[in-house]
Amino acid sequence: MDKQQLTYRIALTLLAGIGPVSAKSLIGYCGGCREVFDIKDWKQLFKVPGIGERTAKNIIATKEEVLRRAELECDFII
C-alpha cells in the first residue's frame, strides 16, 4: 500500500460518526477511500445506506482538515 492510499484510509477512520460499517458502505458506494473525499455535494453521500444528513454534511465540511490530520499520522507511521 502506498502512502496516498494509507492517508485516505486513515482519514476515513478520523471522520466523526463513521465506524467500520459506515466506512464500508461509503467505500462500496463511492468506489474507494479516495473517492469518498472527492465527492463535493453532501446529497451524494446522503444516498449511502446508514449515512444521515448530519453525517454527510459533516464529511463535506471537515474532509480537508481530516485529510491534513491523516497526512500527519501517515508521516509519523512511515
Protein backbone atom coordinates (compact mmCIF):
# COMPACT_ATOMS: atom_id res chain seq x y z
CA MET A 1 0.00 0.00 0.00
CA ASP A 2 1.39 3.38 -0.94
CA LYS A 3 1.38 6.49 1.25
CA GLN A 4 -1.57 8.08 -0.53
CA GLN A 5 -3.80 5.02 -0.06
CA LEU A 6 -2.80 4.81 3.59
CA THR A 7 -3.57 8.51 4.09
CA TYR A 8 -7.10 8.13 2.72
CA ARG A 9 -7.73 5.02 4.82
CA ILE A 10 -6.58 6.81 7.95
CA ALA A 11 -8.68 9.85 7.04
CA LEU A 12 -11.77 7.70 6.72
CA THR A 13 -11.27 6.46 10.30
CA LEU A 14 -10.93 10.05 11.54
CA LEU A 15 -14.32 11.18 10.23
CA ALA A 16 -16.75 11.88 13.07
CA GLY A 17 -19.68 9.50 13.13
CA ILE A 18 -18.06 6.94 10.82
CA GLY A 19 -17.43 3.47 12.18
CA PRO A 20 -16.46 0.26 10.39
CA VAL A 21 -19.92 -0.44 8.98
CA SER A 22 -20.44 3.10 7.69
CA ALA A 23 -16.91 3.18 6.29
CA LYS A 24 -17.55 0.00 4.30
CA SER A 25 -20.82 1.46 3.00
CA LEU A 26 -19.07 4.65 1.91
CA ILE A 27 -16.27 2.73 0.18
CA GLY A 28 -18.75 0.43 -1.56
CA TYR A 29 -20.95 3.29 -2.75
CA CYS A 30 -18.13 5.63 -3.77
CA GLY A 31 -15.71 3.03 -5.13
CA GLY A 32 -12.82 3.59 -2.75
CA CYS A 33 -11.45 5.60 0.15
CA ARG A 34 -10.14 8.42 -2.01
CA GLU A 35 -13.41 8.66 -3.90
CA VAL A 36 -15.25 9.34 -0.63
CA PHE A 37 -13.19 12.52 -0.27
CA ASP A 38 -13.62 13.51 -3.93
CA ILE A 39 -17.38 13.98 -3.51
CA LYS A 40 -18.30 17.64 -3.30
CA ASP A 41 -22.05 17.55 -2.63
CA TRP A 42 -23.35 16.16 0.66
CA LYS A 43 -26.52 14.99 -1.10
CA GLN A 44 -24.49 12.30 -2.89
CA LEU A 45 -23.22 10.97 0.43
CA PHE A 46 -26.73 11.12 1.89
CA LYS A 47 -27.70 8.37 -0.60
CA VAL A 48 -25.30 5.94 1.09
CA PRO A 49 -27.16 3.50 3.37
CA GLY A 50 -26.58 4.41 7.00
CA ILE A 51 -25.31 7.91 6.28
CA GLY A 52 -27.67 10.58 7.54
CA GLU A 53 -27.87 14.22 6.54
CA ARG A 54 -25.81 15.40 9.52
CA THR A 55 -23.01 12.91 8.83
CA ALA A 56 -22.99 13.65 5.10
CA LYS A 57 -22.72 17.40 5.74
CA ASN A 58 -20.02 16.79 8.34
CA ILE A 59 -17.92 14.75 5.90
CA ILE A 60 -18.03 17.55 3.32
CA ALA A 61 -17.33 20.27 5.91
CA THR A 62 -14.39 18.53 7.61
CA LYS A 63 -12.75 16.50 4.86
CA GLU A 64 -9.84 18.89 4.24
CA GLU A 65 -8.97 19.07 7.93
CA VAL A 66 -9.30 15.31 8.30
CA LEU A 67 -7.02 14.72 5.31
CA ARG A 68 -4.37 17.02 6.81
CA ARG A 69 -4.52 15.13 10.11
CA ALA A 70 -4.28 11.82 8.26
CA GLU A 71 -1.21 13.01 6.34
CA LEU A 72 0.49 13.86 9.64
CA GLU A 73 -0.39 10.43 11.03
CA CYS A 74 0.91 8.75 7.89
CA ASP A 75 4.17 10.71 8.06
CA PHE A 76 4.59 9.61 11.67
CA ILE A 77 3.93 5.96 10.83
CA ILE A 78 6.22 5.79 7.82
